[in-house]
C-alpha atoms as a PDB file:
ATOM      1  CA  MET A   1      13.371   8.734 -15.778  1.00  0.00           C
ATOM      2  CA  THR A   2      13.342   7.366 -19.332  1.00  0.00           C
ATOM      3  CA  ARG A   3      12.482   3.742 -20.114  1.00  0.00           C
ATOM      4  CA  ARG A   4      16.154   3.127 -20.926  1.00  0.00           C
ATOM      5  CA  ASP A   5      17.235   4.626 -17.590  1.00  0.00           C
ATOM      6  CA  PHE A   6      14.679   2.533 -15.739  1.00  0.00           C
ATOM      7  CA  VAL A   7      15.806  -0.667 -17.415  1.00  0.00           C
ATOM      8  CA  ALA A   8      19.453   0.092 -16.689  1.00  0.00           C
ATOM      9  CA  ARG A   9      18.716   0.892 -13.063  1.00  0.00           C
ATOM     10  CA  ALA A  10      16.548  -2.177 -12.574  1.00  0.00           C
ATOM     11  CA  CYS A  11      19.115  -4.506 -14.128  1.00  0.00           C
ATOM     12  CA  ALA A  12      21.816  -3.080 -11.881  1.00  0.00           C
ATOM     13  CA  ALA A  13      19.825  -3.555  -8.678  1.00  0.00           C
ATOM     14  CA  SER A  14      20.482  -6.859  -6.967  1.00  0.00           C
ATOM     15  CA  PHE A  15      17.106  -6.810  -5.244  1.00  0.00           C
ATOM     16  CA  VAL A  16      14.930  -6.332  -8.314  1.00  0.00           C
ATOM     17  CA  ARG A  17      11.769  -8.445  -8.425  1.00  0.00           C
ATOM     18  CA  TYR A  18       8.993  -8.471 -10.956  1.00  0.00           C
ATOM     19  CA  VAL A  19       5.352  -7.454 -10.651  1.00  0.00           C
ATOM     20  CA  PRO A  20       2.896  -8.944 -13.173  1.00  0.00           C
ATOM     21  CA  LEU A  21      -0.313  -7.108 -13.996  1.00  0.00           C
ATOM     22  CA  ARG A  22      -3.479  -8.906 -14.985  1.00  0.00           C
ATOM     23  CA  LEU A  23      -4.367  -6.694 -17.945  1.00  0.00           C
ATOM     24  CA  ASP A  24      -5.966  -8.050 -21.086  1.00  0.00           C
ATOM     25  CA  ARG A  25      -5.795  -4.911 -23.220  1.00  0.00           C
ATOM     26  CA  PRO A  26      -3.759  -1.687 -23.466  1.00  0.00           C
ATOM     27  CA  ALA A  27      -4.672   1.063 -21.032  1.00  0.00           C
ATOM     28  CA  THR A  28      -3.865   4.749 -20.612  1.00  0.00           C
ATOM     29  CA  PRO A  29      -0.735   5.118 -18.440  1.00  0.00           C
ATOM     30  CA  LEU A  30      -1.197   6.049 -14.784  1.00  0.00           C
ATOM     31  CA  LYS A  31       1.460   7.550 -12.498  1.00  0.00           C
ATOM     32  CA  LEU A  32       1.198   7.518  -8.706  1.00  0.00           C
ATOM     33  CA  ALA A  33       3.323   8.861  -5.861  1.00  0.00           C
ATOM     34  CA  VAL A  34       2.930   6.632  -2.786  1.00  0.00           C
ATOM     35  CA  ILE A  35       4.078   6.776   0.827  1.00  0.00           C
ATOM     36  CA  ALA A  36       3.263   4.462   3.738  1.00  0.00           C
ATOM     37  CA  ASP A  37       3.665   4.338   7.514  1.00  0.00           C
ATOM     38  CA  LEU A  38       5.085   7.809   8.062  1.00  0.00           C
ATOM     39  CA  HIS A  39       4.137   7.655  11.779  1.00  0.00           C
ATOM     40  CA  HIS A  40       4.128  11.364  12.541  1.00  0.00           C
ATOM     41  CA  GLY A  41       3.933  11.512  16.327  1.00  0.00           C
ATOM     42  CA  LEU A  42       6.064   8.383  16.727  1.00  0.00           C
ATOM     43  CA  ALA A  43       8.990   8.773  14.321  1.00  0.00           C
ATOM     44  CA  PRO A  44      10.881  11.883  15.525  1.00  0.00           C
ATOM     45  CA  ASP A  45      11.880  13.000  12.008  1.00  0.00           C
ATOM     46  CA  ALA A  46       8.596  12.161  10.285  1.00  0.00           C
ATOM     47  CA  LEU A  47       7.930  15.711   9.094  1.00  0.00           C
ATOM     48  CA  SER A  48      11.271  15.982   7.307  1.00  0.00           C
ATOM     49  CA  ARG A  49      10.618  12.614   5.669  1.00  0.00           C
ATOM     50  CA  LEU A  50       7.228  13.772   4.475  1.00  0.00           C
ATOM     51  CA  ARG A  51       8.768  16.989   3.196  1.00  0.00           C
ATOM     52  CA  ALA A  52      11.219  14.991   1.080  1.00  0.00           C
ATOM     53  CA  PHE A  53       8.319  13.017  -0.409  1.00  0.00           C
ATOM     54  CA  VAL A  54       6.232  16.120  -1.101  1.00  0.00           C
ATOM     55  CA  GLU A  55       9.128  17.930  -2.765  1.00  0.00           C
ATOM     56  CA  ALA A  56       9.934  14.883  -4.904  1.00  0.00           C
ATOM     57  CA  ALA A  57       6.281  14.513  -5.950  1.00  0.00           C
ATOM     58  CA  LYS A  58       6.066  18.194  -6.890  1.00  0.00           C
ATOM     59  CA  LYS A  59       9.114  17.851  -9.126  1.00  0.00           C
ATOM     60  CA  ARG A  60       7.999  14.595 -10.703  1.00  0.00           C
ATOM     61  CA  PRO A  61       6.330  15.186 -14.083  1.00  0.00           C
ATOM     62  CA  GLY A  62       2.988  13.652 -14.907  1.00  0.00           C
ATOM     63  CA  ILE A  63       1.863  12.448 -11.460  1.00  0.00           C
ATOM     64  CA  ASP A  64      -1.857  11.646 -11.635  1.00  0.00           C
ATOM     65  CA  ALA A  65      -2.518  11.056  -7.919  1.00  0.00           C
ATOM     66  CA  VAL A  66      -0.839  10.782  -4.523  1.00  0.00           C
ATOM     67  CA  LEU A  67      -1.596   8.024  -1.991  1.00  0.00           C
ATOM     68  CA  GLN A  68      -0.710   7.649   1.668  1.00  0.00           C
ATOM     69  CA  LEU A  69      -1.306   4.102   2.848  1.00  0.00           C
ATOM     70  CA  GLY A  70      -2.087   4.718   6.516  1.00  0.00           C
ATOM     71  CA  ASP A  71      -0.363   5.160   9.882  1.00  0.00           C
ATOM     72  CA  PHE A  72       0.097   8.732   8.736  1.00  0.00           C
ATOM     73  CA  CYS A  73      -0.341  10.878  11.848  1.00  0.00           C
ATOM     74  CA  TYR A  74      -2.294  11.315  15.065  1.00  0.00           C
ATOM     75  CA  SER A  75      -5.325  13.593  14.881  1.00  0.00           C
ATOM     76  CA  LEU A  76      -3.875  16.106  17.326  1.00  0.00           C
ATOM     77  CA  PRO A  77      -3.188  19.858  16.955  1.00  0.00           C
ATOM     78  CA  GLU A  78       0.567  19.273  16.681  1.00  0.00           C
ATOM     79  CA  SER A  79      -0.062  17.041  13.664  1.00  0.00           C
ATOM     80  CA  GLY A  80      -1.624  19.872  11.687  1.00  0.00           C
ATOM     81  CA  GLU A  81       1.755  20.635  10.150  1.00  0.00           C
ATOM     82  CA  CYS A  82       1.798  17.128   8.693  1.00  0.00           C
ATOM     83  CA  VAL A  83      -1.631  17.432   7.086  1.00  0.00           C
ATOM     84  CA  ASP A  84      -0.884  20.943   5.802  1.00  0.00           C
ATOM     85  CA  LEU A  85       2.316  19.745   4.164  1.00  0.00           C
ATOM     86  CA  PHE A  86       0.574  16.810   2.485  1.00  0.00           C
ATOM     87  CA  ASP A  87      -2.239  19.095   1.321  1.00  0.00           C
ATOM     88  CA  SER A  88       0.254  21.452  -0.304  1.00  0.00           C
ATOM     89  CA  LEU A  89       0.351  18.911  -3.126  1.00  0.00           C
ATOM     90  CA  LYS A  90      -2.008  20.010  -5.884  1.00  0.00           C
ATOM     91  CA  HIS A  91      -2.544  16.491  -7.214  1.00  0.00           C
ATOM     92  CA  PRO A  92      -5.595  14.429  -6.274  1.00  0.00           C
ATOM     93  CA  ARG A  93      -4.742  12.986  -2.848  1.00  0.00           C
ATOM     94  CA  TYR A  94      -6.101   9.783  -1.332  1.00  0.00           C
ATOM     95  CA  HIS A  95      -5.946   8.576   2.256  1.00  0.00           C
ATOM     96  CA  VAL A  96      -6.109   5.073   3.723  1.00  0.00           C
ATOM     97  CA  LEU A  97      -6.944   4.489   7.382  1.00  0.00           C
ATOM     98  CA  GLY A  98      -4.197   2.699   9.324  1.00  0.00           C
ATOM     99  CA  ASN A  99      -4.485   1.182  12.775  1.00  0.00           C
ATOM    100  CA  HIS A 100      -2.309   3.776  14.537  1.00  0.00           C
ATOM    101  CA  ASP A 101      -4.351   6.585  13.017  1.00  0.00           C
ATOM    102  CA  MET A 102      -7.030   5.610  15.557  1.00  0.00           C
ATOM    103  CA  ASP A 103      -4.753   5.486  18.597  1.00  0.00           C
ATOM    104  CA  LYS A 104      -5.907   8.930  19.782  1.00  0.00           C
ATOM    105  CA  CYS A 105      -9.361   9.150  18.220  1.00  0.00           C
ATOM    106  CA  ASP A 106     -12.056   7.193  16.415  1.00  0.00           C
ATOM    107  CA  LYS A 107     -12.357   6.813  12.640  1.00  0.00           C
ATOM    108  CA  LYS A 108     -14.619   9.827  12.280  1.00  0.00           C
ATOM    109  CA  GLY A 109     -12.032  11.941  14.054  1.00  0.00           C
ATOM    110  CA  ALA A 110      -9.197  10.785  11.814  1.00  0.00           C
ATOM    111  CA  MET A 111     -11.259  11.221   8.670  1.00  0.00           C
ATOM    112  CA  THR A 112     -12.348  14.718   9.674  1.00  0.00           C
ATOM    113  CA  PHE A 113      -8.764  15.694  10.497  1.00  0.00           C
ATOM    114  CA  TRP A 114      -7.587  14.610   7.043  1.00  0.00           C
ATOM    115  CA  GLY A 115     -10.661  15.641   5.064  1.00  0.00           C
ATOM    116  CA  MET A 116     -11.359  12.010   4.122  1.00  0.00           C
ATOM    117  CA  PRO A 117     -15.053  11.615   3.168  1.00  0.00           C
ATOM    118  CA  SER A 118     -15.401   7.813   3.466  1.00  0.00           C
ATOM    119  CA  ARG A 119     -13.558   5.060   5.345  1.00  0.00           C
ATOM    120  CA  TYR A 120     -13.693   2.858   2.225  1.00  0.00           C
ATOM    121  CA  TYR A 121     -14.369   4.023  -1.304  1.00  0.00           C
ATOM    122  CA  ALA A 122     -13.711   3.616  -5.034  1.00  0.00           C
ATOM    123  CA  LYS A 123     -12.503   6.166  -7.578  1.00  0.00           C
ATOM    124  CA  SER A 124     -11.708   5.969 -11.267  1.00  0.00           C
ATOM    125  CA  LEU A 125      -8.137   6.990 -12.045  1.00  0.00           C
ATOM    126  CA  GLY A 126      -7.787   7.110 -15.790  1.00  0.00           C
ATOM    127  CA  ALA A 127      -8.141   3.577 -17.137  1.00  0.00           C
ATOM    128  CA  TYR A 128      -8.001   2.058 -13.631  1.00  0.00           C
ATOM    129  CA  ARG A 129     -10.314   1.758 -10.644  1.00  0.00           C
ATOM    130  CA  LEU A 130      -8.858   2.601  -7.244  1.00  0.00           C
ATOM    131  CA  VAL A 131     -10.606   0.577  -4.519  1.00  0.00           C
ATOM    132  CA  VAL A 132      -9.659   1.536  -0.957  1.00  0.00           C
ATOM    133  CA  LEU A 133     -10.451  -0.694   2.026  1.00  0.00           C
ATOM    134  CA  ASP A 134     -10.790  -0.206   5.783  1.00  0.00           C
ATOM    135  CA  LEU A 135      -9.450  -3.285   7.569  1.00  0.00           C
ATOM    136  CA  ASN A 136      -9.424  -1.624  10.979  1.00  0.00           C
ATOM    137  CA  HIS A 137     -11.699  -3.932  12.977  1.00  0.00           C
ATOM    138  CA  PHE A 138     -10.966  -6.625  15.537  1.00  0.00           C
ATOM    139  CA  LYS A 139     -12.918  -9.667  16.633  1.00  0.00           C
ATOM    140  CA  LYS A 140     -13.277 -10.628  20.261  1.00  0.00           C
ATOM    141  CA  ASP A 141     -15.807 -12.832  22.015  1.00  0.00           C
ATOM    142  CA  GLY A 142     -17.794 -13.149  18.807  1.00  0.00           C
ATOM    143  CA  HIS A 143     -18.104  -9.397  18.257  1.00  0.00           C
ATOM    144  CA  LEU A 144     -16.614  -7.223  15.523  1.00  0.00           C
ATOM    145  CA  VAL A 145     -15.336  -3.912  16.892  1.00  0.00           C
ATOM    146  CA  SER A 146     -14.129  -0.861  14.991  1.00  0.00           C
ATOM    147  CA  TYR A 147     -10.734   0.544  15.993  1.00  0.00           C
ATOM    148  CA  ALA A 148     -10.933   3.637  18.202  1.00  0.00           C
ATOM    149  CA  TYR A 149      -8.629   5.132  20.818  1.00  0.00           C
ATOM    150  CA  GLY A 150      -6.204   2.215  20.627  1.00  0.00           C
ATOM    151  CA  ASN A 151      -8.819  -0.346  21.683  1.00  0.00           C
ATOM    152  CA  TYR A 152      -7.305  -3.035  19.473  1.00  0.00           C
ATOM    153  CA  PHE A 153      -4.436  -3.310  21.968  1.00  0.00           C
ATOM    154  CA  THR A 154      -6.440  -5.795  23.983  1.00  0.00           C
ATOM    155  CA  GLU A 155      -5.782  -9.384  24.929  1.00  0.00           C
ATOM    156  CA  GLY A 156      -7.477 -11.908  22.681  1.00  0.00           C
ATOM    157  CA  ALA A 157      -8.250  -9.459  19.885  1.00  0.00           C
ATOM    158  CA  ALA A 158      -8.052 -10.855  16.334  1.00  0.00           C
ATOM    159  CA  CYS A 159      -7.194  -7.812  14.220  1.00  0.00           C
ATOM    160  CA  ASN A 160      -7.355  -6.553  10.631  1.00  0.00           C
ATOM    161  CA  TRP A 161     -10.897  -7.543   9.646  1.00  0.00           C
ATOM    162  CA  ALA A 162     -13.287  -5.888   7.200  1.00  0.00           C
ATOM    163  CA  ASP A 163     -16.912  -5.530   8.269  1.00  0.00           C
ATOM    164  CA  PRO A 164     -19.705  -7.447   6.457  1.00  0.00           C
ATOM    165  CA  GLU A 165     -21.169  -4.302   4.914  1.00  0.00           C
ATOM    166  CA  GLN A 166     -17.813  -3.453   3.368  1.00  0.00           C
ATOM    167  CA  LEU A 167     -17.267  -6.991   2.094  1.00  0.00           C
ATOM    168  CA  GLU A 168     -20.607  -6.899   0.296  1.00  0.00           C
ATOM    169  CA  TRP A 169     -19.690  -3.523  -1.190  1.00  0.00           C
ATOM    170  CA  LEU A 170     -16.287  -4.858  -2.312  1.00  0.00           C
ATOM    171  CA  SER A 171     -17.871  -7.840  -4.035  1.00  0.00           C
ATOM    172  CA  ASP A 172     -20.321  -5.595  -5.875  1.00  0.00           C
ATOM    173  CA  GLU A 173     -17.535  -3.214  -6.857  1.00  0.00           C
ATOM    174  CA  LEU A 174     -15.295  -5.939  -8.285  1.00  0.00           C
ATOM    175  CA  HIS A 175     -18.139  -7.708 -10.070  1.00  0.00           C
ATOM    176  CA  THR A 176     -19.277  -4.513 -11.809  1.00  0.00           C
ATOM    177  CA  SER A 177     -16.047  -2.590 -12.442  1.00  0.00           C
ATOM    178  CA  LYS A 178     -15.294  -2.009 -16.114  1.00  0.00           C
ATOM    179  CA  GLN A 179     -11.681  -1.104 -15.309  1.00  0.00           C
ATOM    180  CA  PRO A 180      -8.790  -3.132 -13.850  1.00  0.00           C
ATOM    181  CA  VAL A 181      -8.645  -2.536 -10.118  1.00  0.00           C
ATOM    182  CA  ILE A 182      -5.834  -1.242  -7.923  1.00  0.00           C
ATOM    183  CA  LEU A 183      -6.830  -2.623  -4.509  1.00  0.00           C
ATOM    184  CA  VAL A 184      -5.480  -0.555  -1.625  1.00  0.00           C
ATOM    185  CA  SER A 185      -5.479  -1.156   2.127  1.00  0.00           C
ATOM    186  CA  HIS A 186      -3.265  -0.470   5.107  1.00  0.00           C
ATOM    187  CA  GLN A 187      -3.013  -4.011   6.406  1.00  0.00           C
ATOM    188  CA  PRO A 188      -1.583  -6.789   4.222  1.00  0.00           C
ATOM    189  CA  LEU A 189      -3.438  -9.134   1.915  1.00  0.00           C
ATOM    190  CA  GLY A 190      -2.061 -12.349   0.441  1.00  0.00           C
ATOM    191  CA  PHE A 191       0.691 -12.649   3.059  1.00  0.00           C
ATOM    192  CA  ALA A 192       1.370 -15.516   5.451  1.00  0.00           C
ATOM    193  CA  GLU A 193       4.133 -16.374   7.862  1.00  0.00           C
ATOM    194  CA  PRO A 194       6.515 -19.162   6.760  1.00  0.00           C
ATOM    195  CA  GLY A 195       4.815 -22.532   6.995  1.00  0.00           C
ATOM    196  CA  GLN A 196       1.484 -20.971   7.933  1.00  0.00           C
ATOM    197  CA  PRO A 197      -1.734 -20.512   5.914  1.00  0.00           C
ATOM    198  CA  ILE A 198      -2.923 -17.084   4.876  1.00  0.00           C
ATOM    199  CA  PRO A 199      -4.874 -15.697   7.864  1.00  0.00           C
ATOM    200  CA  GLU A 200      -8.636 -16.047   7.825  1.00  0.00           C
ATOM    201  CA  GLU A 201      -9.343 -12.300   7.713  1.00  0.00           C
ATOM    202  CA  GLN A 202      -7.300 -12.125   4.488  1.00  0.00           C
ATOM    203  CA  GLN A 203      -8.798 -15.279   2.975  1.00  0.00           C
ATOM    204  CA  VAL A 204     -12.275 -13.726   3.130  1.00  0.00           C
ATOM    205  CA  ILE A 205     -11.125 -10.862   0.906  1.00  0.00           C
ATOM    206  CA  LEU A 206      -8.993 -13.018  -1.397  1.00  0.00           C
ATOM    207  CA  LYS A 207     -11.998 -15.217  -2.118  1.00  0.00           C
ATOM    208  CA  ILE A 208     -13.963 -12.151  -3.188  1.00  0.00           C
ATOM    209  CA  VAL A 209     -11.050 -11.035  -5.369  1.00  0.00           C
ATOM    210  CA  ASN A 210     -10.645 -14.412  -7.048  1.00  0.00           C
ATOM    211  CA  ASP A 211     -14.366 -15.059  -7.538  1.00  0.00           C
ATOM    212  CA  ALA A 212     -14.882 -11.629  -9.060  1.00  0.00           C
ATOM    213  CA  SER A 213     -11.927 -11.985 -11.429  1.00  0.00           C
ATOM    214  CA  LYS A 214     -13.539 -15.088 -12.941  1.00  0.00           C
ATOM    215  CA  ALA A 215     -16.969 -13.500 -13.233  1.00  0.00           C
ATOM    216  CA  ASN A 216     -15.711 -10.118 -14.439  1.00  0.00           C
ATOM    217  CA  PRO A 217     -12.219 -10.319 -16.011  1.00  0.00           C
ATOM    218  CA  ASN A 218     -12.367  -6.686 -17.158  1.00  0.00           C
ATOM    219  CA  GLY A 219     -12.556  -5.572 -13.536  1.00  0.00           C
ATOM    220  CA  ALA A 220     -10.019  -8.021 -12.122  1.00  0.00           C
ATOM    221  CA  VAL A 221      -7.603  -6.815  -9.462  1.00  0.00           C
ATOM    222  CA  ALA A 222      -4.366  -5.867 -11.216  1.00  0.00           C
ATOM    223  CA  VAL A 223      -2.376  -5.365  -8.017  1.00  0.00           C
ATOM    224  CA  SER A 224      -2.951  -5.033  -4.271  1.00  0.00           C
ATOM    225  CA  LEU A 225      -0.987  -2.312  -2.457  1.00  0.00           C
ATOM    226  CA  PHE A 226      -0.582  -1.871   1.300  1.00  0.00           C
ATOM    227  CA  GLY A 227       1.841  -1.013   4.099  1.00  0.00           C
ATOM    228  CA  HIS A 228       1.638  -1.834   7.825  1.00  0.00           C
ATOM    229  CA  LEU A 229       4.463  -4.380   8.002  1.00  0.00           C
ATOM    230  CA  HIS A 230       7.370  -1.963   7.398  1.00  0.00           C
ATOM    231  CA  VAL A 231       9.000  -4.341   4.919  1.00  0.00           C
ATOM    232  CA  ASP A 232       9.692  -4.491   1.190  1.00  0.00           C
ATOM    233  CA  ARG A 233       7.849  -7.620   0.113  1.00  0.00           C
ATOM    234  CA  LEU A 234       5.940  -9.051  -2.835  1.00  0.00           C
ATOM    235  CA  GLU A 235       3.820 -12.214  -2.971  1.00  0.00           C
ATOM    236  CA  ARG A 236       1.472 -13.662  -5.576  1.00  0.00           C
ATOM    237  CA  VAL A 237      -1.797 -15.496  -4.942  1.00  0.00           C
ATOM    238  CA  GLU A 238      -3.837 -16.869  -7.847  1.00  0.00           C
ATOM    239  CA  GLY A 239      -1.737 -14.733 -10.182  1.00  0.00           C
ATOM    240  CA  VAL A 240      -2.457 -11.474  -8.358  1.00  0.00           C
ATOM    241  CA  PRO A 241       0.585  -9.563  -7.012  1.00  0.00           C
ATOM    242  CA  TYR A 242       0.262  -8.434  -3.393  1.00  0.00           C
ATOM    243  CA  TYR A 243       2.838  -5.764  -2.648  1.00  0.00           C
ATOM    244  CA  CYS A 244       3.864  -4.222   0.677  1.00  0.00           C
ATOM    245  CA  LEU A 245       5.357  -0.743   0.421  1.00  0.00           C
ATOM    246  CA  ASN A 246       8.012  -0.217   3.065  1.00  0.00           C
ATOM    247  CA  SER A 247       7.600   2.387   5.794  1.00  0.00           C
ATOM    248  CA  ALA A 248       8.807   5.905   5.101  1.00  0.00           C
ATOM    249  CA  SER A 249      10.511   5.944   8.469  1.00  0.00           C
ATOM    250  CA  TYR A 250      11.587   2.700  10.110  1.00  0.00           C
ATOM    251  CA  PHE A 251      11.549  -1.066  10.526  1.00  0.00           C
ATOM    252  CA  TRP A 252      10.121  -2.321  13.833  1.00  0.00           C
ATOM    253  CA  TYR A 253      11.841  -5.120  15.690  1.00  0.00           C
ATOM    254  CA  GLN A 254      12.209  -4.861  19.457  1.00  0.00           C
ATOM    255  CA  GLY A 255      12.049  -1.130  18.919  1.00  0.00           C
ATOM    256  CA  MET A 256      12.280   1.442  16.139  1.00  0.00           C
ATOM    257  CA  ARG A 257      15.062   0.779  13.609  1.00  0.00           C
ATOM    258  CA  ALA A 258      15.257   4.001  11.627  1.00  0.00           C
ATOM    259  CA  TYR A 259      16.210   4.258   7.963  1.00  0.00           C
ATOM    260  CA  THR A 260      18.895   6.690   6.808  1.00  0.00           C
ATOM    261  CA  LYS A 261      16.631   7.999   4.044  1.00  0.00           C
ATOM    262  CA  PRO A 262      12.911   8.741   3.758  1.00  0.00           C
ATOM    263  CA  LEU A 263      11.340   5.944   1.722  1.00  0.00           C
ATOM    264  CA  TYR A 264       8.573   6.376  -0.844  1.00  0.00           C
ATOM    265  CA  ALA A 265       7.892   5.194  -4.363  1.00  0.00           C
ATOM    266  CA  PHE A 266       6.690   6.297  -7.767  1.00  0.00           C
ATOM    267  CA  LEU A 267       4.465   3.757  -9.495  1.00  0.00           C
ATOM    268  CA  GLU A 268       3.800   3.844 -13.221  1.00  0.00           C
ATOM    269  CA  PHE A 269       1.168   1.648 -14.824  1.00  0.00           C
ATOM    270  CA  ASP A 270       2.030   1.923 -18.488  1.00  0.00           C
ATOM    271  CA  GLY A 271      -0.252   1.299 -21.434  1.00  0.00           C
ATOM    272  CA  ASP A 272       0.938  -2.244 -22.124  1.00  0.00           C
ATOM    273  CA  GLY A 273       0.299  -3.836 -18.741  1.00  0.00           C
ATOM    274  CA  VAL A 274       3.579  -3.014 -17.028  1.00  0.00           C
ATOM    275  CA  LEU A 275       3.889  -1.758 -13.467  1.00  0.00           C
ATOM    276  CA  LYS A 276       7.187   0.004 -12.861  1.00  0.00           C
ATOM    277  CA  ILE A 277       8.076   0.742  -9.246  1.00  0.00           C
ATOM    278  CA  GLU A 278      10.840   3.232  -8.613  1.00  0.00           C
ATOM    279  CA  GLY A 279      11.846   3.310  -4.974  1.00  0.00           C
ATOM    280  CA  ILE A 280      14.563   4.644  -2.679  1.00  0.00           C
ATOM    281  CA  ARG A 281      17.670   2.741  -1.599  1.00  0.00           C
ATOM    282  CA  GLY A 282      18.669   3.432   2.005  1.00  0.00           C
ATOM    283  CA  GLU A 283      20.374   1.806   4.966  1.00  0.00           C
ATOM    284  CA  PHE A 284      19.675   1.253   8.637  1.00  0.00           C
ATOM    285  CA  ARG A 285      21.033   3.956  10.900  1.00  0.00           C
ATOM    286  CA  GLU A 286      22.050   1.172  13.262  1.00  0.00           C
ATOM    287  CA  PRO A 287      22.025  -2.534  12.384  1.00  0.00           C
ATOM    288  CA  PRO A 288      18.842  -4.240  13.583  1.00  0.00           C
ATOM    289  CA  PRO A 289      19.184  -7.344  15.800  1.00  0.00           C
ATOM    290  CA  PRO A 290      20.483 -10.360  13.852  1.00  0.00           C
ATOM    291  CA  ALA A 291      17.359 -12.319  14.787  1.00  0.00           C
ATOM    292  CA  SER A 292      15.300  -9.908  12.685  1.00  0.00           C
ATOM    293  CA  GLY A 293      16.923 -11.354   9.565  1.00  0.00           C
ATOM    294  CA  SER A 294      14.181 -13.968   9.535  1.00  0.00           C
ATOM    295  CA  VAL A 295      11.549 -11.293   8.847  1.00  0.00           C
ATOM    296  CA  ILE A 296      10.530 -11.631   5.196  1.00  0.00           C
ATOM    297  CA  GLY A 297      11.222  -8.450   3.265  1.00  0.00           C
ATOM    298  CA  ARG A 298      13.331  -6.771   5.929  1.00  0.00           C
ATOM    299  CA  SER A 299      15.048  -3.887   4.179  1.00  0.00           C
ATOM    300  CA  ALA A 300      15.941  -0.233   4.580  1.00  0.00           C
ATOM    301  CA  SER A 301      14.956   0.315   0.941  1.00  0.00           C
ATOM    302  CA  ILE A 302      12.107   0.147  -1.529  1.00  0.00           C
ATOM    303  CA  GLY A 303      13.323  -1.880  -4.487  1.00  0.00           C
ATOM    304  CA  ASP A 304      12.872  -1.080  -8.182  1.00  0.00           C
ATOM    305  CA  ARG A 305      10.710  -3.598 -10.015  1.00  0.00           C
ATOM    306  CA  GLY A 306       9.187  -4.084 -13.419  1.00  0.00           C
ATOM    307  CA  VAL A 307       7.703  -6.650 -15.786  1.00  0.00           C
ATOM    308  CA  GLU A 308       6.004  -6.535 -19.164  1.00  0.00           C
ATOM    309  CA  LEU A 309       3.223  -9.036 -19.774  1.00  0.00           C
ATOM    310  CA  SER A 310       1.270 -10.244 -22.778  1.00  0.00           C
ATOM    311  CA  ARG A 311      -1.743 -12.543 -22.992  1.00  0.00           C
ATOM    312  CA  LYS A 312       0.676 -15.170 -24.298  1.00  0.00           C
ATOM    313  CA  PRO A 313       3.343 -16.254 -21.782  1.00  0.00           C
ATOM    314  CA  ASP A 314       5.952 -16.712 -24.509  1.00  0.00           C
ATOM    315  CA  ARG A 315       5.739 -12.989 -25.240  1.00  0.00           C
ATOM    316  CA  VAL A 316       6.476 -11.874 -21.690  1.00  0.00           C
ATOM    317  CA  ARG A 317       9.601  -9.764 -21.293  1.00  0.00           C
ATOM    318  CA  SER A 318      11.074  -8.916 -17.897  1.00  0.00           C
ATOM    319  CA  TRP A 319      13.799  -6.566 -16.694  1.00  0.00           C
END
């Protein structure tokens, strides 16, 4: 897709929104192929959806890396076909642990099944720093417990926490990074329900993000990417965009509400501080219950978005 084609497509889309990047200087472009919440083992057509993503990524020129944002597959023999298909991509591939990935095993089992060396980690991708989190812990009775074998489905569990060791590592990483950071997790950051404050487990991480951006502007978080909610939603906190990539397979509301098309996105961070998101427009196979219309970001699509920023607000151009 040329820049002209992207602009034309974005202007024509009624659901276009704009994603600002906190970049203070030009950077080498970076192109990512991203998929979230495939749910192989739950969604009956997950493998065909993954195949569509893999084939599209193989045809896409210039992809630098491929990300799956969690809730990918169970670590069972029948899921080997899913991992093999994903691994047929020759690009650098990065995994994120999602809660359902530990429904049938512990984290070590999921990581071994995928070939994932660390549950949280950082990698340099061109001019950017990819920082991947593991928010798969719950608190109960004053104890922090790591997800394993679906144990987070327990009464009184407060989910989606990072452990203290990881929080210390994240702070060090953001305070020392010499590159703008793409912060990646499965569970959301920067999101709250209408009329409610941002949950405490998110506030802990957002404070680290905001404190580090003041102390180390060169390593500030440019964007936070995640899945988990099966919606197409963008929020901003302290100038940082927090973006939820919709599920590849379905929206959940009183049951599985499948999409007509497999959803995934191509993200391009260009050299001038512009993030362009090219998604897929689909529909619901059957209309979800009307009451689900109150869910923020409910959609059977991933919308196209883009914005160009400068240090000076009067030089910002959007499309």
